[in-house]
Amino acid sequence: MDRIKELTNGIGADSVLECVGTQESMLQAIRATRHAPRRFRGLRRRSARVELDGEKLFYAHVHLHGGPAPVRRFLPELIDLVWNGKINPGKVFDLTLPLDQVAEGYCAMDERRAIKTLLRP
């Protein structure tokens, strides 16, 4: 959370994708969004196994959208765009490891030593 606030000059993200589907990840996504009434704050949600307090959600000024993510449809094109340097995947990748160290990447994210791990061949 602190790192996200730091990257956004203390205001939080305008939109957040929550793609893990756990109670903790959903609450973290809500806390990571900008606190500004009358400003759109989008939150995309993957899992229906999360319980939210309606009153807290209401006062957080969050627009919540849900539905399946058609990852397989867009992934090949997005990988190509990142690979060829046409888009930057963002500052969220704060650890880069070779592909054969994928387990270490997951460990680092689980232990909060990294936000997201970028794996390279």
PDB file of N, CA and C in Angstrom:
ATOM      1  N   MET A   1       0.808  -1.197   0.000  1.00  0.00           N
ATOM      2  CA  MET A   1       0.000   0.000   0.000  1.00  0.00           C
ATOM      3  C   MET A   1       0.847   1.255   0.000  1.00  0.00           C
ATOM      4  N   ASP A   2       1.838   1.306   0.858  1.00  0.00           N
ATOM      5  CA  ASP A   2       2.687   2.496   0.948  1.00  0.00           C
ATOM      6  C   ASP A   2       3.392   2.761  -0.377  1.00  0.00           C
ATOM      7  N   ARG A   3       3.827   1.705  -1.044  1.00  0.00           N
ATOM      8  CA  ARG A   3       4.538   1.865  -2.318  1.00  0.00           C
ATOM      9  C   ARG A   3       3.603   2.429  -3.386  1.00  0.00           C
ATOM     10  N   ILE A   4       2.355   1.981  -3.394  1.00  0.00           N
ATOM     11  CA  ILE A   4       1.390   2.498  -4.362  1.00  0.00           C
ATOM     12  C   ILE A   4       1.143   3.975  -4.107  1.00  0.00           C
ATOM     13  N   LYS A   5       0.970   4.347  -2.865  1.00  0.00           N
ATOM     14  CA  LYS A   5       0.766   5.756  -2.523  1.00  0.00           C
ATOM     15  C   LYS A   5       1.998   6.577  -2.913  1.00  0.00           C
ATOM     16  N   GLU A   6       3.178   6.016  -2.688  1.00  0.00           N
ATOM     17  CA  GLU A   6       4.415   6.709  -3.049  1.00  0.00           C
ATOM     18  C   GLU A   6       4.487   6.939  -4.563  1.00  0.00           C
ATOM     19  N   LEU A   7       4.144   5.934  -5.345  1.00  0.00           N
ATOM     20  CA  LEU A   7       4.190   6.046  -6.802  1.00  0.00           C
ATOM     21  C   LEU A   7       3.163   7.029  -7.349  1.00  0.00           C
ATOM     22  N   THR A   8       2.109   7.300  -6.584  1.00  0.00           N
ATOM     23  CA  THR A   8       1.042   8.193  -7.042  1.00  0.00           C
ATOM     24  C   THR A   8       1.015   9.505  -6.264  1.00  0.00           C
ATOM     25  N   ASN A   9       2.149   9.881  -5.697  1.00  0.00           N
ATOM     26  CA  ASN A   9       2.258  11.128  -4.932  1.00  0.00           C
ATOM     27  C   ASN A   9       1.254  11.209  -3.789  1.00  0.00           C
ATOM     28  N   GLY A  10       0.973  10.059  -3.174  1.00  0.00           N
ATOM     29  CA  GLY A  10       0.123  10.025  -1.994  1.00  0.00           C
ATOM     30  C   GLY A  10      -1.369  10.018  -2.241  1.00  0.00           C
ATOM     31  N   ILE A  11      -1.801  10.019  -3.505  1.00  0.00           N
ATOM     32  CA  ILE A  11      -3.242  10.125  -3.758  1.00  0.00           C
ATOM     33  C   ILE A  11      -3.915   8.810  -4.122  1.00  0.00           C
ATOM     34  N   GLY A  12      -3.181   7.816  -4.517  1.00  0.00           N
ATOM     35  CA  GLY A  12      -3.776   6.537  -4.904  1.00  0.00           C
ATOM     36  C   GLY A  12      -4.068   6.476  -6.388  1.00  0.00           C
ATOM     37  N   ALA A  13      -4.427   5.296  -6.835  1.00  0.00           N
ATOM     38  CA  ALA A  13      -4.674   5.056  -8.263  1.00  0.00           C
ATOM     39  C   ALA A  13      -6.096   5.440  -8.649  1.00  0.00           C
ATOM     40  N   ASP A  14      -6.276   5.915  -9.880  1.00  0.00           N
ATOM     41  CA  ASP A  14      -7.614   6.231 -10.377  1.00  0.00           C
ATOM     42  C   ASP A  14      -8.433   4.957 -10.583  1.00  0.00           C
ATOM     43  N   SER A  15      -7.786   3.911 -11.070  1.00  0.00           N
ATOM     44  CA  SER A  15      -8.457   2.637 -11.313  1.00  0.00           C
ATOM     45  C   SER A  15      -7.553   1.506 -10.863  1.00  0.00           C
ATOM     46  N   VAL A  16      -8.161   0.441 -10.396  1.00  0.00           N
ATOM     47  CA  VAL A  16      -7.417  -0.701  -9.878  1.00  0.00           C
ATOM     48  C   VAL A  16      -8.035  -1.971 -10.439  1.00  0.00           C
ATOM     49  N   LEU A  17      -7.199  -2.898 -10.844  1.00  0.00           N
ATOM     50  CA  LEU A  17      -7.656  -4.223 -11.245  1.00  0.00           C
ATOM     51  C   LEU A  17      -7.356  -5.178 -10.107  1.00  0.00           C
ATOM     52  N   GLU A  18      -8.360  -5.832  -9.592  1.00  0.00           N
ATOM     53  CA  GLU A  18      -8.169  -6.824  -8.541  1.00  0.00           C
ATOM     54  C   GLU A  18      -8.342  -8.176  -9.204  1.00  0.00           C
ATOM     55  N   CYS A  19      -7.247  -8.906  -9.341  1.00  0.00           N
ATOM     56  CA  CYS A  19      -7.270 -10.142 -10.121  1.00  0.00           C
ATOM     57  C   CYS A  19      -6.906 -11.381  -9.319  1.00  0.00           C
ATOM     58  N   VAL A  20      -6.801 -11.272  -8.024  1.00  0.00           N
ATOM     59  CA  VAL A  20      -6.430 -12.407  -7.189  1.00  0.00           C
ATOM     60  C   VAL A  20      -7.675 -13.125  -6.690  1.00  0.00           C
ATOM     61  N   GLY A  21      -8.647 -12.362  -6.246  1.00  0.00           N
ATOM     62  CA  GLY A  21      -9.903 -12.944  -5.826  1.00  0.00           C
ATOM     63  C   GLY A  21      -9.995 -13.334  -4.363  1.00  0.00           C
ATOM     64  N   THR A  22      -9.168 -12.741  -3.515  1.00  0.00           N
ATOM     65  CA  THR A  22      -9.257 -13.029  -2.092  1.00  0.00           C
ATOM     66  C   THR A  22      -9.809 -11.818  -1.349  1.00  0.00           C
ATOM     67  N   GLN A  23     -10.257 -12.044  -0.138  1.00  0.00           N
ATOM     68  CA  GLN A  23     -10.770 -10.966   0.689  1.00  0.00           C
ATOM     69  C   GLN A  23      -9.697  -9.884   0.882  1.00  0.00           C
ATOM     70  N   GLU A  24      -8.492 -10.315   1.226  1.00  0.00           N
ATOM     71  CA  GLU A  24      -7.394  -9.373   1.472  1.00  0.00           C
ATOM     72  C   GLU A  24      -7.046  -8.559   0.224  1.00  0.00           C
ATOM     73  N   SER A  25      -6.992  -9.217  -0.934  1.00  0.00           N
ATOM     74  CA  SER A  25      -6.623  -8.491  -2.151  1.00  0.00           C
ATOM     75  C   SER A  25      -7.704  -7.491  -2.549  1.00  0.00           C
ATOM     76  N   MET A  26      -8.964  -7.832  -2.319  1.00  0.00           N
ATOM     77  CA  MET A  26     -10.041  -6.901  -2.637  1.00  0.00           C
ATOM     78  C   MET A  26      -9.975  -5.666  -1.745  1.00  0.00           C
ATOM     79  N   LEU A  27      -9.787  -5.864  -0.448  1.00  0.00           N
ATOM     80  CA  LEU A  27      -9.698  -4.719   0.469  1.00  0.00           C
ATOM     81  C   LEU A  27      -8.469  -3.870   0.164  1.00  0.00           C
ATOM     82  N   GLN A  28      -7.365  -4.507  -0.199  1.00  0.00           N
ATOM     83  CA  GLN A  28      -6.167  -3.756  -0.575  1.00  0.00           C
ATOM     84  C   GLN A  28      -6.431  -2.925  -1.826  1.00  0.00           C
ATOM     85  N   ALA A  29      -7.132  -3.488  -2.787  1.00  0.00           N
ATOM     86  CA  ALA A  29      -7.440  -2.759  -4.020  1.00  0.00           C
ATOM     87  C   ALA A  29      -8.298  -1.533  -3.720  1.00  0.00           C
ATOM     88  N   ILE A  30      -9.270  -1.685  -2.846  1.00  0.00           N
ATOM     89  CA  ILE A  30     -10.116  -0.543  -2.479  1.00  0.00           C
ATOM     90  C   ILE A  30      -9.281   0.538  -1.792  1.00  0.00           C
ATOM     91  N   ARG A  31      -8.387   0.127  -0.891  1.00  0.00           N
ATOM     92  CA  ARG A  31      -7.542   1.100  -0.181  1.00  0.00           C
ATOM     93  C   ARG A  31      -6.530   1.766  -1.101  1.00  0.00           C
ATOM     94  N   ALA A  32      -6.187   1.109  -2.206  1.00  0.00           N
ATOM     95  CA  ALA A  32      -5.185   1.655  -3.126  1.00  0.00           C
ATOM     96  C   ALA A  32      -5.760   2.713  -4.058  1.00  0.00           C
ATOM     97  N   THR A  33      -7.086   2.827  -4.117  1.00  0.00           N
ATOM     98  CA  THR A  33      -7.682   3.792  -5.029  1.00  0.00           C
ATOM     99  C   THR A  33      -7.760   5.177  -4.400  1.00  0.00           C
ATOM    100  N   ARG A  34      -7.849   6.145  -5.249  1.00  0.00           N
ATOM    101  CA  ARG A  34      -7.877   7.552  -4.849  1.00  0.00           C
ATOM    102  C   ARG A  34      -9.106   7.872  -4.015  1.00  0.00           C
ATOM    103  N   HIS A  35      -8.938   8.640  -2.973  1.00  0.00           N
ATOM    104  CA  HIS A  35     -10.046   9.084  -2.122  1.00  0.00           C
ATOM    105  C   HIS A  35     -10.496  10.449  -2.597  1.00  0.00           C
ATOM    106  N   ALA A  36     -11.471  10.466  -3.470  1.00  0.00           N
ATOM    107  CA  ALA A  36     -11.947  11.745  -3.993  1.00  0.00           C
ATOM    108  C   ALA A  36     -13.403  11.628  -4.415  1.00  0.00           C
ATOM    109  N   PRO A  37     -14.317  12.138  -3.622  1.00  0.00           N
ATOM    110  CA  PRO A  37     -15.718  12.132  -4.042  1.00  0.00           C
ATOM    111  C   PRO A  37     -15.866  12.832  -5.388  1.00  0.00           C
ATOM    112  N   ARG A  38     -16.818  12.389  -6.152  1.00  0.00           N
ATOM    113  CA  ARG A  38     -17.113  12.933  -7.481  1.00  0.00           C
ATOM    114  C   ARG A  38     -16.054  12.581  -8.516  1.00  0.00           C
ATOM    115  N   ARG A  39     -15.091  11.801  -8.179  1.00  0.00           N
ATOM    116  CA  ARG A  39     -14.085  11.372  -9.148  1.00  0.00           C
ATOM    117  C   ARG A  39     -14.261   9.879  -9.353  1.00  0.00           C
ATOM    118  N   PHE A  40     -14.254   9.448 -10.600  1.00  0.00           N
ATOM    119  CA  PHE A  40     -14.416   8.023 -10.877  1.00  0.00           C
ATOM    120  C   PHE A  40     -13.267   7.221 -10.292  1.00  0.00           C
ATOM    121  N   ARG A  41     -13.609   6.189  -9.579  1.00  0.00           N
ATOM    122  CA  ARG A  41     -12.621   5.254  -9.055  1.00  0.00           C
ATOM    123  C   ARG A  41     -13.077   3.881  -9.463  1.00  0.00           C
ATOM    124  N   GLY A  42     -12.423   3.300 -10.429  1.00  0.00           N
ATOM    125  CA  GLY A  42     -12.842   2.003 -10.934  1.00  0.00           C
ATOM    126  C   GLY A  42     -12.133   0.872 -10.229  1.00  0.00           C
ATOM    127  N   LEU A  43     -12.848  -0.193 -10.032  1.00  0.00           N
ATOM    128  CA  LEU A  43     -12.276  -1.374  -9.423  1.00  0.00           C
ATOM    129  C   LEU A  43     -12.855  -2.567 -10.170  1.00  0.00           C
ATOM    130  N   ARG A  44     -11.988  -3.317 -10.825  1.00  0.00           N
ATOM    131  CA  ARG A  44     -12.446  -4.504 -11.545  1.00  0.00           C
ATOM    132  C   ARG A  44     -12.247  -5.698 -10.634  1.00  0.00           C
ATOM    133  N   ARG A  45     -13.194  -6.566 -10.625  1.00  0.00           N
ATOM    134  CA  ARG A  45     -13.188  -7.665  -9.671  1.00  0.00           C
ATOM    135  C   ARG A  45     -13.290  -9.001 -10.391  1.00  0.00           C
ATOM    136  N   ARG A  46     -12.519  -9.978  -9.947  1.00  0.00           N
ATOM    137  CA  ARG A  46     -12.510 -11.302 -10.573  1.00  0.00           C
ATOM    138  C   ARG A  46     -13.366 -12.310  -9.825  1.00  0.00           C
ATOM    139  N   SER A  47     -13.313 -12.326  -8.544  1.00  0.00           N
ATOM    140  CA  SER A  47     -13.920 -13.413  -7.777  1.00  0.00           C
ATOM    141  C   SER A  47     -15.196 -12.979  -7.075  1.00  0.00           C
ATOM    142  N   ALA A  48     -16.119 -13.910  -6.970  1.00  0.00           N
ATOM    143  CA  ALA A  48     -17.355 -13.648  -6.230  1.00  0.00           C
ATOM    144  C   ALA A  48     -17.264 -14.189  -4.811  1.00  0.00           C
ATOM    145  N   ARG A  49     -16.103 -14.626  -4.371  1.00  0.00           N
ATOM    146  CA  ARG A  49     -15.942 -15.209  -3.045  1.00  0.00           C
ATOM    147  C   ARG A  49     -15.515 -14.173  -2.007  1.00  0.00           C
ATOM    148  N   VAL A  50     -15.777 -12.931  -2.262  1.00  0.00           N
ATOM    149  CA  VAL A  50     -15.352 -11.861  -1.374  1.00  0.00           C
ATOM    150  C   VAL A  50     -16.591 -11.191  -0.796  1.00  0.00           C
ATOM    151  N   GLU A  51     -16.552 -10.908   0.495  1.00  0.00           N
ATOM    152  CA  GLU A  51     -17.652 -10.200   1.135  1.00  0.00           C
ATOM    153  C   GLU A  51     -17.229  -8.766   1.406  1.00  0.00           C
ATOM    154  N   LEU A  52     -18.101  -7.833   1.047  1.00  0.00           N
ATOM    155  CA  LEU A  52     -17.805  -6.420   1.237  1.00  0.00           C
ATOM    156  C   LEU A  52     -18.901  -5.784   2.083  1.00  0.00           C
ATOM    157  N   ASP A  53     -18.498  -4.884   2.941  1.00  0.00           N
ATOM    158  CA  ASP A  53     -19.428  -4.108   3.750  1.00  0.00           C
ATOM    159  C   ASP A  53     -19.997  -3.012   2.848  1.00  0.00           C
ATOM    160  N   GLY A  54     -21.269  -3.092   2.556  1.00  0.00           N
ATOM    161  CA  GLY A  54     -21.902  -2.144   1.641  1.00  0.00           C
ATOM    162  C   GLY A  54     -21.753  -0.700   2.064  1.00  0.00           C
ATOM    163  N   GLU A  55     -21.856  -0.424   3.351  1.00  0.00           N
ATOM    164  CA  GLU A  55     -21.737   0.955   3.831  1.00  0.00           C
ATOM    165  C   GLU A  55     -20.320   1.484   3.613  1.00  0.00           C
ATOM    166  N   LYS A  56     -19.316   0.659   3.931  1.00  0.00           N
ATOM    167  CA  LYS A  56     -17.929   1.087   3.723  1.00  0.00           C
ATOM    168  C   LYS A  56     -17.644   1.289   2.246  1.00  0.00           C
ATOM    169  N   LEU A  57     -18.174   0.403   1.401  1.00  0.00           N
ATOM    170  CA  LEU A  57     -17.980   0.532  -0.038  1.00  0.00           C
ATOM    171  C   LEU A  57     -18.635   1.823  -0.536  1.00  0.00           C
ATOM    172  N   PHE A  58     -19.832   2.115  -0.031  1.00  0.00           N
ATOM    173  CA  PHE A  58     -20.551   3.327  -0.420  1.00  0.00           C
ATOM    174  C   PHE A  58     -19.740   4.575  -0.091  1.00  0.00           C
ATOM    175  N   TYR A  59     -19.215   4.650   1.129  1.00  0.00           N
ATOM    176  CA  TYR A  59     -18.477   5.835   1.545  1.00  0.00           C
ATOM    177  C   TYR A  59     -17.053   5.882   1.003  1.00  0.00           C
ATOM    178  N   ALA A  60     -16.600   4.815   0.383  1.00  0.00           N
ATOM    179  CA  ALA A  60     -15.274   4.824  -0.241  1.00  0.00           C
ATOM    180  C   ALA A  60     -15.331   5.451  -1.637  1.00  0.00           C
ATOM    181  N   HIS A  61     -16.543   5.749  -2.135  1.00  0.00           N
ATOM    182  CA  HIS A  61     -16.712   6.346  -3.466  1.00  0.00           C
ATOM    183  C   HIS A  61     -16.096   5.456  -4.546  1.00  0.00           C
ATOM    184  N   VAL A  62     -16.395   4.178  -4.504  1.00  0.00           N
ATOM    185  CA  VAL A  62     -15.840   3.226  -5.455  1.00  0.00           C
ATOM    186  C   VAL A  62     -16.925   2.748  -6.404  1.00  0.00           C
ATOM    187  N   HIS A  63     -16.606   2.722  -7.676  1.00  0.00           N
ATOM    188  CA  HIS A  63     -17.456   2.099  -8.678  1.00  0.00           C
ATOM    189  C   HIS A  63     -16.906   0.688  -8.865  1.00  0.00           C
ATOM    190  N   LEU A  64     -17.704  -0.295  -8.606  1.00  0.00           N
ATOM    191  CA  LEU A  64     -17.252  -1.678  -8.661  1.00  0.00           C
ATOM    192  C   LEU A  64     -17.852  -2.355  -9.887  1.00  0.00           C
ATOM    193  N   HIS A  65     -16.989  -2.937 -10.708  1.00  0.00           N
ATOM    194  CA  HIS A  65     -17.421  -3.653 -11.906  1.00  0.00           C
ATOM    195  C   HIS A  65     -16.912  -5.081 -11.810  1.00  0.00           C
ATOM    196  N   GLY A  66     -17.662  -6.016 -12.293  1.00  0.00           N
ATOM    197  CA  GLY A  66     -17.232  -7.403 -12.239  1.00  0.00           C
ATOM    198  C   GLY A  66     -17.508  -8.119 -13.540  1.00  0.00           C
ATOM    199  N   GLY A  67     -16.821  -9.217 -13.715  1.00  0.00           N
ATOM    200  CA  GLY A  67     -17.040 -10.036 -14.894  1.00  0.00           C
ATOM    201  C   GLY A  67     -15.775 -10.781 -15.255  1.00  0.00           C
ATOM    202  N   PRO A  68     -15.909 -11.755 -16.140  1.00  0.00           N
ATOM    203  CA  PRO A  68     -14.730 -12.531 -16.533  1.00  0.00           C
ATOM    204  C   PRO A  68     -13.777 -11.691 -17.379  1.00  0.00           C
ATOM    205  N   ALA A  69     -12.505 -11.939 -17.214  1.00  0.00           N
ATOM    206  CA  ALA A  69     -11.488 -11.240 -17.993  1.00  0.00           C
ATOM    207  C   ALA A  69     -11.091 -12.124 -19.174  1.00  0.00           C
ATOM    208  N   PRO A  70     -11.282 -11.641 -20.397  1.00  0.00           N
ATOM    209  CA  PRO A  70     -10.932 -12.447 -21.580  1.00  0.00           C
ATOM    210  C   PRO A  70      -9.427 -12.408 -21.859  1.00  0.00           C
ATOM    211  N   VAL A  71      -8.648 -12.880 -20.904  1.00  0.00           N
ATOM    212  CA  VAL A  71      -7.192 -12.779 -20.980  1.00  0.00           C
ATOM    213  C   VAL A  71      -6.642 -13.448 -22.230  1.00  0.00           C
ATOM    214  N   ARG A  72      -7.091 -14.643 -22.509  1.00  0.00           N
ATOM    215  CA  ARG A  72      -6.532 -15.388 -23.646  1.00  0.00           C
ATOM    216  C   ARG A  72      -6.758 -14.662 -24.962  1.00  0.00           C
ATOM    217  N   ARG A  73      -7.788 -13.876 -25.033  1.00  0.00           N
ATOM    218  CA  ARG A  73      -8.080 -13.126 -26.261  1.00  0.00           C
ATOM    219  C   ARG A  73      -7.062 -12.010 -26.500  1.00  0.00           C
ATOM    220  N   PHE A  74      -6.644 -11.326 -25.454  1.00  0.00           N
ATOM    221  CA  PHE A  74      -5.785 -10.156 -25.592  1.00  0.00           C
ATOM    222  C   PHE A  74      -4.313 -10.402 -25.270  1.00  0.00           C
ATOM    223  N   LEU A  75      -4.011 -11.467 -24.536  1.00  0.00           N
ATOM    224  CA  LEU A  75      -2.653 -11.702 -24.064  1.00  0.00           C
ATOM    225  C   LEU A  75      -1.590 -11.766 -25.163  1.00  0.00           C
ATOM    226  N   PRO A  76      -1.781 -12.498 -26.251  1.00  0.00           N
ATOM    227  CA  PRO A  76      -0.727 -12.554 -27.268  1.00  0.00           C
ATOM    228  C   PRO A  76      -0.352 -11.169 -27.820  1.00  0.00           C
ATOM    229  N   GLU A  77      -1.344 -10.348 -28.100  1.00  0.00           N
ATOM    230  CA  GLU A  77      -1.069  -9.002 -28.618  1.00  0.00           C
ATOM    231  C   GLU A  77      -0.372  -8.142 -27.566  1.00  0.00           C
ATOM    232  N   LEU A  78      -0.814  -8.217 -26.310  1.00  0.00           N
ATOM    233  CA  LEU A  78      -0.200  -7.417 -25.251  1.00  0.00           C
ATOM    234  C   LEU A  78       1.243  -7.835 -24.989  1.00  0.00           C
ATOM    235  N   ILE A  79       1.498  -9.123 -24.985  1.00  0.00           N
ATOM    236  CA  ILE A  79       2.876  -9.596 -24.801  1.00  0.00           C
ATOM    237  C   ILE A  79       3.757  -9.067 -25.917  1.00  0.00           C
ATOM    238  N   ASP A  80       3.266  -9.107 -27.146  1.00  0.00           N
ATOM    239  CA  ASP A  80       4.034  -8.596 -28.288  1.00  0.00           C
ATOM    240  C   ASP A  80       4.318  -7.100 -28.134  1.00  0.00           C
ATOM    241  N   LEU A  81       3.345  -6.331 -27.695  1.00  0.00           N
ATOM    242  CA  LEU A  81       3.537  -4.889 -27.517  1.00  0.00           C
ATOM    243  C   LEU A  81       4.567  -4.589 -26.433  1.00  0.00           C
ATOM    244  N   VAL A  82       4.517  -5.330 -25.332  1.00  0.00           N
ATOM    245  CA  VAL A  82       5.502  -5.148 -24.259  1.00  0.00           C
ATOM    246  C   VAL A  82       6.873  -5.588 -24.738  1.00  0.00           C
ATOM    247  N   TRP A  83       6.943  -6.760 -25.351  1.00  0.00           N
ATOM    248  CA  TRP A  83       8.217  -7.334 -25.799  1.00  0.00           C
ATOM    249  C   TRP A  83       8.940  -6.414 -26.779  1.00  0.00           C
ATOM    250  N   ASN A  84       8.177  -5.762 -27.665  1.00  0.00           N
ATOM    251  CA  ASN A  84       8.769  -4.876 -28.672  1.00  0.00           C
ATOM    252  C   ASN A  84       8.911  -3.433 -28.199  1.00  0.00           C
ATOM    253  N   GLY A  85       8.642  -3.190 -26.912  1.00  0.00           N
ATOM    254  CA  GLY A  85       8.848  -1.864 -26.342  1.00  0.00           C
ATOM    255  C   GLY A  85       7.818  -0.831 -26.752  1.00  0.00           C
ATOM    256  N   LYS A  86       6.696  -1.259 -27.303  1.00  0.00           N
ATOM    257  CA  LYS A  86       5.669  -0.304 -27.732  1.00  0.00           C
ATOM    258  C   LYS A  86       4.813   0.181 -26.569  1.00  0.00           C
ATOM    259  N   ILE A  87       4.712  -0.617 -25.511  1.00  0.00           N
ATOM    260  CA  ILE A  87       4.058  -0.166 -24.285  1.00  0.00           C
ATOM    261  C   ILE A  87       4.924  -0.566 -23.101  1.00  0.00           C
ATOM    262  N   ASN A  88       4.844   0.240 -22.060  1.00  0.00           N
ATOM    263  CA  ASN A  88       5.583  -0.030 -20.825  1.00  0.00           C
ATOM    264  C   ASN A  88       4.593  -0.622 -19.833  1.00  0.00           C
ATOM    265  N   PRO A  89       4.861  -1.826 -19.316  1.00  0.00           N
ATOM    266  CA  PRO A  89       3.899  -2.437 -18.406  1.00  0.00           C
ATOM    267  C   PRO A  89       3.719  -1.682 -17.094  1.00  0.00           C
ATOM    268  N   GLY A  90       4.531  -0.685 -16.863  1.00  0.00           N
ATOM    269  CA  GLY A  90       4.314   0.163 -15.700  1.00  0.00           C
ATOM    270  C   GLY A  90       5.317  -0.038 -14.592  1.00  0.00           C
ATOM    271  N   LYS A  91       5.179   0.824 -13.602  1.00  0.00           N
ATOM    272  CA  LYS A  91       6.090   0.815 -12.465  1.00  0.00           C
ATOM    273  C   LYS A  91       5.772  -0.282 -11.470  1.00  0.00           C
ATOM    274  N   VAL A  92       4.679  -0.995 -11.704  1.00  0.00           N
ATOM    275  CA  VAL A  92       4.274  -2.016 -10.750  1.00  0.00           C
ATOM    276  C   VAL A  92       5.277  -3.169 -10.703  1.00  0.00           C
ATOM    277  N   PHE A  93       6.004  -3.413 -11.792  1.00  0.00           N
ATOM    278  CA  PHE A  93       7.028  -4.453 -11.800  1.00  0.00           C
ATOM    279  C   PHE A  93       8.280  -3.901 -11.129  1.00  0.00           C
ATOM    280  N   ASP A  94       8.521  -4.351  -9.917  1.00  0.00           N
ATOM    281  CA  ASP A  94       9.677  -3.842  -9.185  1.00  0.00           C
ATOM    282  C   ASP A  94      10.732  -4.918  -8.931  1.00  0.00           C
ATOM    283  N   LEU A  95      10.557  -6.067  -9.552  1.00  0.00           N
ATOM    284  CA  LEU A  95      11.545  -7.140  -9.467  1.00  0.00           C
ATOM    285  C   LEU A  95      11.582  -7.846 -10.808  1.00  0.00           C
ATOM    286  N   THR A  96      12.763  -7.982 -11.370  1.00  0.00           N
ATOM    287  CA  THR A  96      12.939  -8.692 -12.638  1.00  0.00           C
ATOM    288  C   THR A  96      13.818  -9.906 -12.397  1.00  0.00           C
ATOM    289  N   LEU A  97      13.334 -11.060 -12.847  1.00  0.00           N
ATOM    290  CA  LEU A  97      14.060 -12.309 -12.664  1.00  0.00           C
ATOM    291  C   LEU A  97      14.036 -13.106 -13.956  1.00  0.00           C
ATOM    292  N   PRO A  98      15.012 -14.006 -14.125  1.00  0.00           N
ATOM    293  CA  PRO A  98      14.937 -14.912 -15.269  1.00  0.00           C
ATOM    294  C   PRO A  98      13.790 -15.901 -15.082  1.00  0.00           C
ATOM    295  N   LEU A  99      13.250 -16.382 -16.183  1.00  0.00           N
ATOM    296  CA  LEU A  99      12.089 -17.259 -16.161  1.00  0.00           C
ATOM    297  C   LEU A  99      12.292 -18.487 -15.278  1.00  0.00           C
ATOM    298  N   ASP A 100      13.512 -19.003 -15.225  1.00  0.00           N
ATOM    299  CA  ASP A 100      13.739 -20.209 -14.418  1.00  0.00           C
ATOM    300  C   ASP A 100      13.696 -19.934 -12.909  1.00  0.00           C
ATOM    301  N   GLN A 101      13.512 -18.660 -12.511  1.00  0.00           N
ATOM    302  CA  GLN A 101      13.387 -18.317 -11.093  1.00  0.00           C
ATOM    303  C   GLN A 101      11.957 -17.875 -10.756  1.00  0.00           C
ATOM    304  N   VAL A 102      10.991 -18.414 -11.493  1.00  0.00           N
ATOM    305  CA  VAL A 102       9.596 -18.038 -11.290  1.00  0.00           C
ATOM    306  C   VAL A 102       9.144 -18.289  -9.850  1.00  0.00           C
ATOM    307  N   ALA A 103       9.601 -19.372  -9.246  1.00  0.00           N
ATOM    308  CA  ALA A 103       9.210 -19.668  -7.862  1.00  0.00           C
ATOM    309  C   ALA A 103       9.685 -18.570  -6.912  1.00  0.00           C
ATOM    310  N   GLU A 104      10.887 -18.069  -7.130  1.00  0.00           N
ATOM    311  CA  GLU A 104      11.409 -16.975  -6.298  1.00  0.00           C
ATOM    312  C   GLU A 104      10.567 -15.717  -6.495  1.00  0.00           C
ATOM    313  N   GLY A 105      10.111 -15.479  -7.715  1.00  0.00           N
ATOM    314  CA  GLY A 105       9.249 -14.325  -7.979  1.00  0.00           C
ATOM    315  C   GLY A 105       7.959 -14.389  -7.187  1.00  0.00           C
ATOM    316  N   TYR A 106       7.323 -15.553  -7.184  1.00  0.00           N
ATOM    317  CA  TYR A 106       6.101 -15.721  -6.401  1.00  0.00           C
ATOM    318  C   TYR A 106       6.380 -15.574  -4.908  1.00  0.00           C
ATOM    319  N   CYS A 107       7.509 -16.108  -4.471  1.00  0.00           N
ATOM    320  CA  CYS A 107       7.898 -15.996  -3.054  1.00  0.00           C
ATOM    321  C   CYS A 107       8.057 -14.522  -2.664  1.00  0.00           C
ATOM    322  N   ALA A 108       8.743 -13.767  -3.498  1.00  0.00           N
ATOM    323  CA  ALA A 108       8.985 -12.347  -3.211  1.00  0.00           C
ATOM    324  C   ALA A 108       7.669 -11.577  -3.121  1.00  0.00           C
ATOM    325  N   MET A 109       6.722 -11.891  -4.003  1.00  0.00           N
ATOM    326  CA  MET A 109       5.429 -11.201  -3.951  1.00  0.00           C
ATOM    327  C   MET A 109       4.650 -11.619  -2.714  1.00  0.00           C
ATOM    328  N   ASP A 110       4.683 -12.918  -2.390  1.00  0.00           N
ATOM    329  CA  ASP A 110       3.975 -13.418  -1.221  1.00  0.00           C
ATOM    330  C   ASP A 110       4.522 -12.820   0.070  1.00  0.00           C
ATOM    331  N   GLU A 111       5.835 -12.640   0.135  1.00  0.00           N
ATOM    332  CA  GLU A 111       6.482 -12.082   1.327  1.00  0.00           C
ATOM    333  C   GLU A 111       6.536 -10.559   1.303  1.00  0.00           C
ATOM    334  N   ARG A 112       5.899  -9.955   0.309  1.00  0.00           N
ATOM    335  CA  ARG A 112       5.834  -8.494   0.154  1.00  0.00           C
ATOM    336  C   ARG A 112       7.205  -7.845  -0.054  1.00  0.00           C
ATOM    337  N   ARG A 113       8.140  -8.602  -0.634  1.00  0.00           N
ATOM    338  CA  ARG A 113       9.427  -8.020  -1.024  1.00  0.00           C
ATOM    339  C   ARG A 113       9.334  -7.432  -2.423  1.00  0.00           C
ATOM    340  N   ALA A 114       8.256  -7.736  -3.125  1.00  0.00           N
ATOM    341  CA  ALA A 114       8.027  -7.215  -4.476  1.00  0.00           C
ATOM    342  C   ALA A 114       6.535  -7.019  -4.672  1.00  0.00           C
ATOM    343  N   ILE A 115       6.190  -6.016  -5.490  1.00  0.00           N
ATOM    344  CA  ILE A 115       4.781  -5.815  -5.844  1.00  0.00           C
ATOM    345  C   ILE A 115       4.421  -6.831  -6.928  1.00  0.00           C
ATOM    346  N   LYS A 116       5.166  -6.782  -8.033  1.00  0.00           N
ATOM    347  CA  LYS A 116       4.973  -7.734  -9.135  1.00  0.00           C
ATOM    348  C   LYS A 116       6.340  -8.067  -9.704  1.00  0.00           C
ATOM    349  N   THR A 117       6.480  -9.309 -10.144  1.00  0.00           N
ATOM    350  CA  THR A 117       7.741  -9.784 -10.712  1.00  0.00           C
ATOM    351  C   THR A 117       7.617  -9.901 -12.218  1.00  0.00           C
ATOM    352  N   LEU A 118       8.561  -9.322 -12.919  1.00  0.00           N
ATOM    353  CA  LEU A 118       8.634  -9.433 -14.370  1.00  0.00           C
ATOM    354  C   LEU A 118       9.628 -10.547 -14.681  1.00  0.00           C
ATOM    355  N   LEU A 119       9.179 -11.559 -15.415  1.00  0.00           N
ATOM    356  CA  LEU A 119      10.036 -12.696 -15.759  1.00  0.00           C
ATOM    357  C   LEU A 119      10.545 -12.534 -17.179  1.00  0.00           C
ATOM    358  N   ARG A 120      11.841 -12.741 -17.349  1.00  0.00           N
ATOM    359  CA  ARG A 120      12.459 -12.647 -18.679  1.00  0.00           C
ATOM    360  C   ARG A 120      13.044 -14.009 -19.057  1.00  0.00           C
ATOM    361  N   PRO A 121      12.999 -14.317 -20.364  1.00  0.00           N
ATOM    362  CA  PRO A 121      13.568 -15.605 -20.813  1.00  0.00           C
ATOM    363  C   PRO A 121      15.065 -15.695 -20.566  1.00  0.00           C
TER     364      PRO A 121
END
